[in-house]
């Protein structure tokens, strides 16, 4: 979902950048350019994390945690 939102934001920021450059509003064009840079950076981070794969997933040899039975906690010192 974050990937789709990043692409959506990139599209609108690019559209705003072009529209404000054409209409001669440099302040808004700069704001859209900064937003476009943030969206592109976010997209790069998302793609990098997707390509890394599931790092923190335990393997089949790791047993599941025992459920909390509501007993007393660890002894206090």
PDB file of N, CA and C in Angstrom:
ATOM      1  N   UNK A   1       0.827  -1.180   0.000  1.00  0.00           N
ATOM      2  CA  UNK A   1       0.000   0.000   0.000  1.00  0.00           C
ATOM      3  C   UNK A   1       0.883   1.261   0.000  1.00  0.00           C
ATOM      4  N   UNK A   2       1.970   1.198   0.755  1.00  0.00           N
ATOM      5  CA  UNK A   2       2.859   2.357   0.784  1.00  0.00           C
ATOM      6  C   UNK A   2       3.488   2.602  -0.583  1.00  0.00           C
ATOM      7  N   UNK A   3       3.742   1.537  -1.319  1.00  0.00           N
ATOM      8  CA  UNK A   3       4.283   1.670  -2.670  1.00  0.00           C
ATOM      9  C   UNK A   3       3.294   2.402  -3.568  1.00  0.00           C
ATOM     10  N   UNK A   4       2.039   2.020  -3.497  1.00  0.00           N
ATOM     11  CA  UNK A   4       1.009   2.660  -4.324  1.00  0.00           C
ATOM     12  C   UNK A   4       0.855   4.132  -3.935  1.00  0.00           C
ATOM     13  N   UNK A   5       0.843   4.411  -2.633  1.00  0.00           N
ATOM     14  CA  UNK A   5       0.715   5.802  -2.192  1.00  0.00           C
ATOM     15  C   UNK A   5       1.916   6.642  -2.619  1.00  0.00           C
ATOM     16  N   UNK A   6       3.088   6.047  -2.606  1.00  0.00           N
ATOM     17  CA  UNK A   6       4.273   6.767  -3.041  1.00  0.00           C
ATOM     18  C   UNK A   6       4.202   7.086  -4.534  1.00  0.00           C
ATOM     19  N   UNK A   7       3.760   6.118  -5.322  1.00  0.00           N
ATOM     20  CA  UNK A   7       3.608   6.357  -6.762  1.00  0.00           C
ATOM     21  C   UNK A   7       2.534   7.407  -7.031  1.00  0.00           C
ATOM     22  N   UNK A   8       1.448   7.340  -6.278  1.00  0.00           N
ATOM     23  CA  UNK A   8       0.362   8.321  -6.417  1.00  0.00           C
ATOM     24  C   UNK A   8       0.884   9.724  -6.088  1.00  0.00           C
ATOM     25  N   UNK A   9       1.629   9.854  -5.021  1.00  0.00           N
ATOM     26  CA  UNK A   9       2.193  11.143  -4.643  1.00  0.00           C
ATOM     27  C   UNK A   9       3.196  11.664  -5.651  1.00  0.00           C
ATOM     28  N   UNK A  10       3.984  10.756  -6.209  1.00  0.00           N
ATOM     29  CA  UNK A  10       4.938  11.170  -7.240  1.00  0.00           C
ATOM     30  C   UNK A  10       4.207  11.729  -8.450  1.00  0.00           C
ATOM     31  N   UNK A  11       3.140  11.058  -8.853  1.00  0.00           N
ATOM     32  CA  UNK A  11       2.378  11.515 -10.020  1.00  0.00           C
ATOM     33  C   UNK A  11       1.786  12.898  -9.811  1.00  0.00           C
ATOM     34  N   UNK A  12       1.165  13.122  -8.653  1.00  0.00           N
ATOM     35  CA  UNK A  12       0.558  14.421  -8.384  1.00  0.00           C
ATOM     36  C   UNK A  12       1.607  15.508  -8.183  1.00  0.00           C
ATOM     37  N   UNK A  13       2.708  15.175  -7.553  1.00  0.00           N
ATOM     38  CA  UNK A  13       3.767  16.170  -7.365  1.00  0.00           C
ATOM     39  C   UNK A  13       4.384  16.563  -8.703  1.00  0.00           C
ATOM     40  N   UNK A  14       4.575  15.597  -9.571  1.00  0.00           N
ATOM     41  CA  UNK A  14       5.099  15.894 -10.907  1.00  0.00           C
ATOM     42  C   UNK A  14       4.113  16.748 -11.697  1.00  0.00           C
ATOM     43  N   UNK A  15       2.835  16.391 -11.617  1.00  0.00           N
ATOM     44  CA  UNK A  15       1.801  17.182 -12.287  1.00  0.00           C
ATOM     45  C   UNK A  15       1.796  18.616 -11.754  1.00  0.00           C
ATOM     46  N   UNK A  16       1.855  18.778 -10.438  1.00  0.00           N
ATOM     47  CA  UNK A  16       1.878  20.111  -9.854  1.00  0.00           C
ATOM     48  C   UNK A  16       3.116  20.894 -10.245  1.00  0.00           C
ATOM     49  N   UNK A  17       4.245  20.212 -10.268  1.00  0.00           N
ATOM     50  CA  UNK A  17       5.487  20.868 -10.666  1.00  0.00           C
ATOM     51  C   UNK A  17       5.383  21.420 -12.079  1.00  0.00           C
ATOM     52  N   UNK A  18       4.936  20.591 -12.996  1.00  0.00           N
ATOM     53  CA  UNK A  18       4.812  21.020 -14.393  1.00  0.00           C
ATOM     54  C   UNK A  18       3.771  22.127 -14.521  1.00  0.00           C
ATOM     55  N   UNK A  19       2.632  21.960 -13.871  1.00  0.00           N
ATOM     56  CA  UNK A  19       1.565  22.958 -13.970  1.00  0.00           C
ATOM     57  C   UNK A  19       2.002  24.311 -13.424  1.00  0.00           C
ATOM     58  N   UNK A  20       2.705  24.322 -12.295  1.00  0.00           N
ATOM     59  CA  UNK A  20       3.117  25.595 -11.719  1.00  0.00           C
ATOM     60  C   UNK A  20       4.279  26.220 -12.469  1.00  0.00           C
ATOM     61  N   UNK A  21       5.127  25.419 -13.103  1.00  0.00           N
ATOM     62  CA  UNK A  21       6.185  25.986 -13.942  1.00  0.00           C
ATOM     63  C   UNK A  21       5.562  26.657 -15.164  1.00  0.00           C
ATOM     64  N   UNK A  22       4.566  25.992 -15.756  1.00  0.00           N
ATOM     65  CA  UNK A  22       3.914  26.554 -16.946  1.00  0.00           C
ATOM     66  C   UNK A  22       3.178  27.845 -16.609  1.00  0.00           C
ATOM     67  N   UNK A  23       2.523  27.902 -15.466  1.00  0.00           N
ATOM     68  CA  UNK A  23       1.757  29.096 -15.100  1.00  0.00           C
ATOM     69  C   UNK A  23       2.621  30.185 -14.482  1.00  0.00           C
ATOM     70  N   UNK A  24       3.895  29.922 -14.273  1.00  0.00           N
ATOM     71  CA  UNK A  24       4.807  30.953 -13.780  1.00  0.00           C
ATOM     72  C   UNK A  24       4.724  31.210 -12.289  1.00  0.00           C
ATOM     73  N   UNK A  25       4.493  30.183 -11.513  1.00  0.00           N
ATOM     74  CA  UNK A  25       4.457  30.317 -10.048  1.00  0.00           C
ATOM     75  C   UNK A  25       5.639  29.532  -9.457  1.00  0.00           C
ATOM     76  N   UNK A  26       6.773  30.186  -9.334  1.00  0.00           N
ATOM     77  CA  UNK A  26       7.981  29.462  -8.916  1.00  0.00           C
ATOM     78  C   UNK A  26       7.927  28.945  -7.476  1.00  0.00           C
ATOM     79  N   UNK A  27       7.267  29.645  -6.577  1.00  0.00           N
ATOM     80  CA  UNK A  27       7.192  29.189  -5.191  1.00  0.00           C
ATOM     81  C   UNK A  27       6.477  27.850  -5.067  1.00  0.00           C
ATOM     82  N   UNK A  28       5.328  27.748  -5.713  1.00  0.00           N
ATOM     83  CA  UNK A  28       4.570  26.495  -5.687  1.00  0.00           C
ATOM     84  C   UNK A  28       5.304  25.402  -6.462  1.00  0.00           C
ATOM     85  N   UNK A  29       6.010  25.776  -7.525  1.00  0.00           N
ATOM     86  CA  UNK A  29       6.781  24.789  -8.291  1.00  0.00           C
ATOM     87  C   UNK A  29       7.905  24.209  -7.432  1.00  0.00           C
ATOM     88  N   UNK A  30       8.553  25.067  -6.640  1.00  0.00           N
ATOM     89  CA  UNK A  30       9.608  24.577  -5.755  1.00  0.00           C
ATOM     90  C   UNK A  30       9.027  23.650  -4.696  1.00  0.00           C
ATOM     91  N   UNK A  31       7.867  24.024  -4.152  1.00  0.00           N
ATOM     92  CA  UNK A  31       7.226  23.174  -3.145  1.00  0.00           C
ATOM     93  C   UNK A  31       6.878  21.804  -3.734  1.00  0.00           C
ATOM     94  N   UNK A  32       6.357  21.790  -4.949  1.00  0.00           N
ATOM     95  CA  UNK A  32       6.036  20.511  -5.592  1.00  0.00           C
ATOM     96  C   UNK A  32       7.303  19.730  -5.931  1.00  0.00           C
ATOM     97  N   UNK A  33       8.373  20.434  -6.278  1.00  0.00           N
ATOM     98  CA  UNK A  33       9.646  19.770  -6.548  1.00  0.00           C
ATOM     99  C   UNK A  33      10.215  19.109  -5.305  1.00  0.00           C
ATOM    100  N   UNK A  34      10.098  19.785  -4.164  1.00  0.00           N
ATOM    101  CA  UNK A  34      10.561  19.199  -2.898  1.00  0.00           C
ATOM    102  C   UNK A  34       9.703  17.984  -2.551  1.00  0.00           C
ATOM    103  N   UNK A  35       8.401  18.112  -2.715  1.00  0.00           N
ATOM    104  CA  UNK A  35       7.507  16.982  -2.453  1.00  0.00           C
ATOM    105  C   UNK A  35       7.812  15.812  -3.387  1.00  0.00           C
ATOM    106  N   UNK A  36       8.132  16.109  -4.635  1.00  0.00           N
ATOM    107  CA  UNK A  36       8.502  15.058  -5.582  1.00  0.00           C
ATOM    108  C   UNK A  36       9.790  14.364  -5.137  1.00  0.00           C
ATOM    109  N   UNK A  37      10.759  15.129  -4.653  1.00  0.00           N
ATOM    110  CA  UNK A  37      12.017  14.533  -4.171  1.00  0.00           C
ATOM    111  C   UNK A  37      11.763  13.626  -2.965  1.00  0.00           C
ATOM    112  N   UNK A  38      10.871  14.047  -2.071  1.00  0.00           N
ATOM    113  CA  UNK A  38      10.546  13.216  -0.908  1.00  0.00           C
ATOM    114  C   UNK A  38       9.859  11.921  -1.355  1.00  0.00           C
ATOM    115  N   UNK A  39       8.941  12.033  -2.302  1.00  0.00           N
ATOM    116  CA  UNK A  39       8.232  10.846  -2.783  1.00  0.00           C
ATOM    117  C   UNK A  39       9.179   9.883  -3.502  1.00  0.00           C
ATOM    118  N   UNK A  40      10.118  10.416  -4.276  1.00  0.00           N
ATOM    119  CA  UNK A  40      11.084   9.558  -4.977  1.00  0.00           C
ATOM    120  C   UNK A  40      11.997   8.865  -3.965  1.00  0.00           C
ATOM    121  N   UNK A  41      12.432   9.594  -2.940  1.00  0.00           N
ATOM    122  CA  UNK A  41      13.267   8.991  -1.897  1.00  0.00           C
ATOM    123  C   UNK A  41      12.504   7.888  -1.173  1.00  0.00           C
ATOM    124  N   UNK A  42      11.243   8.157  -0.850  1.00  0.00           N
ATOM    125  CA  UNK A  42      10.417   7.152  -0.188  1.00  0.00           C
ATOM    126  C   UNK A  42      10.255   5.920  -1.069  1.00  0.00           C
ATOM    127  N   UNK A  43      10.040   6.129  -2.356  1.00  0.00           N
ATOM    128  CA  UNK A  43       9.902   5.005  -3.287  1.00  0.00           C
ATOM    129  C   UNK A  43      11.185   4.178  -3.333  1.00  0.00           C
ATOM    130  N   UNK A  44      12.341   4.847  -3.327  1.00  0.00           N
ATOM    131  CA  UNK A  44      13.608   4.115  -3.340  1.00  0.00           C
ATOM    132  C   UNK A  44      13.771   3.277  -2.072  1.00  0.00           C
ATOM    133  N   UNK A  45      13.385   3.831  -0.926  1.00  0.00           N
ATOM    134  CA  UNK A  45      13.473   3.084   0.333  1.00  0.00           C
ATOM    135  C   UNK A  45      12.530   1.875   0.292  1.00  0.00           C
ATOM    136  N   UNK A  46      11.330   2.078  -0.213  1.00  0.00           N
ATOM    137  CA  UNK A  46      10.354   0.985  -0.289  1.00  0.00           C
ATOM    138  C   UNK A  46      10.871  -0.144  -1.170  1.00  0.00           C
ATOM    139  N   UNK A  47      11.374   0.203  -2.342  1.00  0.00           N
ATOM    140  CA  UNK A  47      11.879  -0.819  -3.269  1.00  0.00           C
ATOM    141  C   UNK A  47      13.081  -1.534  -2.661  1.00  0.00           C
ATOM    142  N   UNK A  48      13.944  -0.800  -1.982  1.00  0.00           N
ATOM    143  CA  UNK A  48      15.106  -1.414  -1.333  1.00  0.00           C
ATOM    144  C   UNK A  48      14.665  -2.425  -0.276  1.00  0.00           C
ATOM    145  N   UNK A  49      13.692  -2.033   0.544  1.00  0.00           N
ATOM    146  CA  UNK A  49      13.209  -2.933   1.592  1.00  0.00           C
ATOM    147  C   UNK A  49      12.494  -4.146   1.006  1.00  0.00           C
ATOM    148  N   UNK A  50      11.781  -3.967  -0.090  1.00  0.00           N
ATOM    149  CA  UNK A  50      11.112  -5.101  -0.733  1.00  0.00           C
ATOM    150  C   UNK A  50      12.154  -6.091  -1.241  1.00  0.00           C
ATOM    151  N   UNK A  51      13.214  -5.569  -1.831  1.00  0.00           N
ATOM    152  CA  UNK A  51      14.254  -6.454  -2.376  1.00  0.00           C
ATOM    153  C   UNK A  51      15.069  -7.153  -1.293  1.00  0.00           C
ATOM    154  N   UNK A  52      15.111  -6.574  -0.087  1.00  0.00           N
ATOM    155  CA  UNK A  52      15.834  -7.219   1.010  1.00  0.00           C
ATOM    156  C   UNK A  52      15.156  -8.509   1.434  1.00  0.00           C
ATOM    157  N   UNK A  53      13.856  -8.547   1.340  1.00  0.00           N
ATOM    158  CA  UNK A  53      13.133  -9.747   1.729  1.00  0.00           C
ATOM    159  C   UNK A  53      12.827  -9.783   3.207  1.00  0.00           C
ATOM    160  N   UNK A  54      12.245 -10.881   3.652  1.00  0.00           N
ATOM    161  CA  UNK A  54      11.839 -11.002   5.047  1.00  0.00           C
ATOM    162  C   UNK A  54      13.036 -11.296   5.955  1.00  0.00           C
ATOM    163  N   UNK A  55      13.625 -10.267   6.544  1.00  0.00           N
ATOM    164  CA  UNK A  55      14.809 -10.449   7.386  1.00  0.00           C
ATOM    165  C   UNK A  55      14.510 -11.041   8.747  1.00  0.00           C
ATOM    166  N   UNK A  56      13.468 -10.586   9.348  1.00  0.00           N
ATOM    167  CA  UNK A  56      13.248 -10.900  10.755  1.00  0.00           C
ATOM    168  C   UNK A  56      12.240 -12.024  10.952  1.00  0.00           C
ATOM    169  N   UNK A  57      12.043 -12.849   9.971  1.00  0.00           N
ATOM    170  CA  UNK A  57      11.128 -13.972  10.095  1.00  0.00           C
ATOM    171  C   UNK A  57      11.904 -15.180  10.610  1.00  0.00           C
ATOM    172  N   UNK A  58      11.417 -15.800  11.675  1.00  0.00           N
ATOM    173  CA  UNK A  58      12.119 -16.988  12.174  1.00  0.00           C
ATOM    174  C   UNK A  58      11.946 -18.160  11.202  1.00  0.00           C
ATOM    175  N   UNK A  59      12.918 -19.037  11.192  1.00  0.00           N
ATOM    176  CA  UNK A  59      12.861 -20.207  10.315  1.00  0.00           C
ATOM    177  C   UNK A  59      12.000 -21.308  10.905  1.00  0.00           C
ATOM    178  N   UNK A  60      11.925 -22.402  10.190  1.00  0.00           N
ATOM    179  CA  UNK A  60      11.102 -23.528  10.641  1.00  0.00           C
ATOM    180  C   UNK A  60      11.675 -24.212  11.879  1.00  0.00           C
ATOM    181  N   UNK A  61      12.969 -24.019  12.131  1.00  0.00           N
ATOM    182  CA  UNK A  61      13.590 -24.664  13.277  1.00  0.00           C
ATOM    183  C   UNK A  61      13.399 -23.879  14.583  1.00  0.00           C
ATOM    184  N   UNK A  62      12.787 -22.696  14.534  1.00  0.00           N
ATOM    185  CA  UNK A  62      12.551 -21.890  15.731  1.00  0.00           C
ATOM    186  C   UNK A  62      11.157 -22.217  16.265  1.00  0.00           C
ATOM    187  N   UNK A  63      11.082 -22.739  17.491  1.00  0.00           N
ATOM    188  CA  UNK A  63       9.768 -23.090  18.028  1.00  0.00           C
ATOM    189  C   UNK A  63       8.975 -21.834  18.384  1.00  0.00           C
ATOM    190  N   UNK A  64       7.646 -21.909  18.376  1.00  0.00           N
ATOM    191  CA  UNK A  64       6.845 -20.738  18.746  1.00  0.00           C
ATOM    192  C   UNK A  64       6.971 -20.447  20.240  1.00  0.00           C
ATOM    193  N   UNK A  65       6.688 -19.234  20.610  1.00  0.00           N
ATOM    194  CA  UNK A  65       6.721 -18.862  22.025  1.00  0.00           C
ATOM    195  C   UNK A  65       5.579 -19.534  22.761  1.00  0.00           C
ATOM    196  N   UNK A  66       5.836 -19.845  24.022  1.00  0.00           N
ATOM    197  CA  UNK A  66       4.772 -20.390  24.858  1.00  0.00           C
ATOM    198  C   UNK A  66       3.798 -19.261  25.177  1.00  0.00           C
ATOM    199  N   UNK A  67       2.499 -19.531  25.147  1.00  0.00           N
ATOM    200  CA  UNK A  67       1.542 -18.461  25.452  1.00  0.00           C
ATOM    201  C   UNK A  67       1.604 -18.061  26.924  1.00  0.00           C
ATOM    202  N   UNK A  68       1.259 -16.823  27.192  1.00  0.00           N
ATOM    203  CA  UNK A  68       1.229 -16.312  28.556  1.00  0.00           C
ATOM    204  C   UNK A  68      -0.016 -16.871  29.252  1.00  0.00           C
ATOM    205  N   UNK A  69       0.200 -17.578  30.309  1.00  0.00           N
ATOM    206  CA  UNK A  69      -0.902 -18.208  31.041  1.00  0.00           C
ATOM    207  C   UNK A  69      -1.411 -17.326  32.181  1.00  0.00           C
ATOM    208  N   UNK A  70      -0.885 -16.115  32.306  1.00  0.00           N
ATOM    209  CA  UNK A  70      -1.321 -15.207  33.353  1.00  0.00           C
ATOM    210  C   UNK A  70      -0.733 -15.491  34.707  1.00  0.00           C
ATOM    211  N   UNK A  71       0.308 -16.276  34.763  1.00  0.00           N
ATOM    212  CA  UNK A  71       0.945 -16.608  36.031  1.00  0.00           C
ATOM    213  C   UNK A  71       1.807 -15.472  36.536  1.00  0.00           C
ATOM    214  N   UNK A  72       2.502 -15.724  37.618  1.00  0.00           N
ATOM    215  CA  UNK A  72       3.382 -14.677  38.164  1.00  0.00           C
ATOM    216  C   UNK A  72       4.529 -14.404  37.201  1.00  0.00           C
ATOM    217  N   UNK A  73       4.957 -13.172  37.221  1.00  0.00           N
ATOM    218  CA  UNK A  73       6.049 -12.761  36.344  1.00  0.00           C
ATOM    219  C   UNK A  73       7.379 -13.228  36.877  1.00  0.00           C
ATOM    220  N   UNK A  74       8.455 -12.747  36.304  1.00  0.00           N
ATOM    221  CA  UNK A  74       9.780 -13.143  36.785  1.00  0.00           C
ATOM    222  C   UNK A  74      10.006 -12.595  38.199  1.00  0.00           C
ATOM    223  N   UNK A  75      10.829 -13.253  38.988  1.00  0.00           N
ATOM    224  CA  UNK A  75      11.073 -12.790  40.357  1.00  0.00           C
ATOM    225  C   UNK A  75      11.770 -11.432  40.336  1.00  0.00           C
ATOM    226  N   UNK A  76      11.359 -10.598  41.282  1.00  0.00           N
ATOM    227  CA  UNK A  76      11.967  -9.259  41.385  1.00  0.00           C
ATOM    228  C   UNK A  76      13.185  -9.340  42.294  1.00  0.00           C
ATOM    229  N   UNK A  77      14.160  -8.515  42.030  1.00  0.00           N
ATOM    230  CA  UNK A  77      15.407  -8.534  42.800  1.00  0.00           C
ATOM    231  C   UNK A  77      15.399  -7.462  43.838  1.00  0.00           C
TER     232      UNK A  77
END
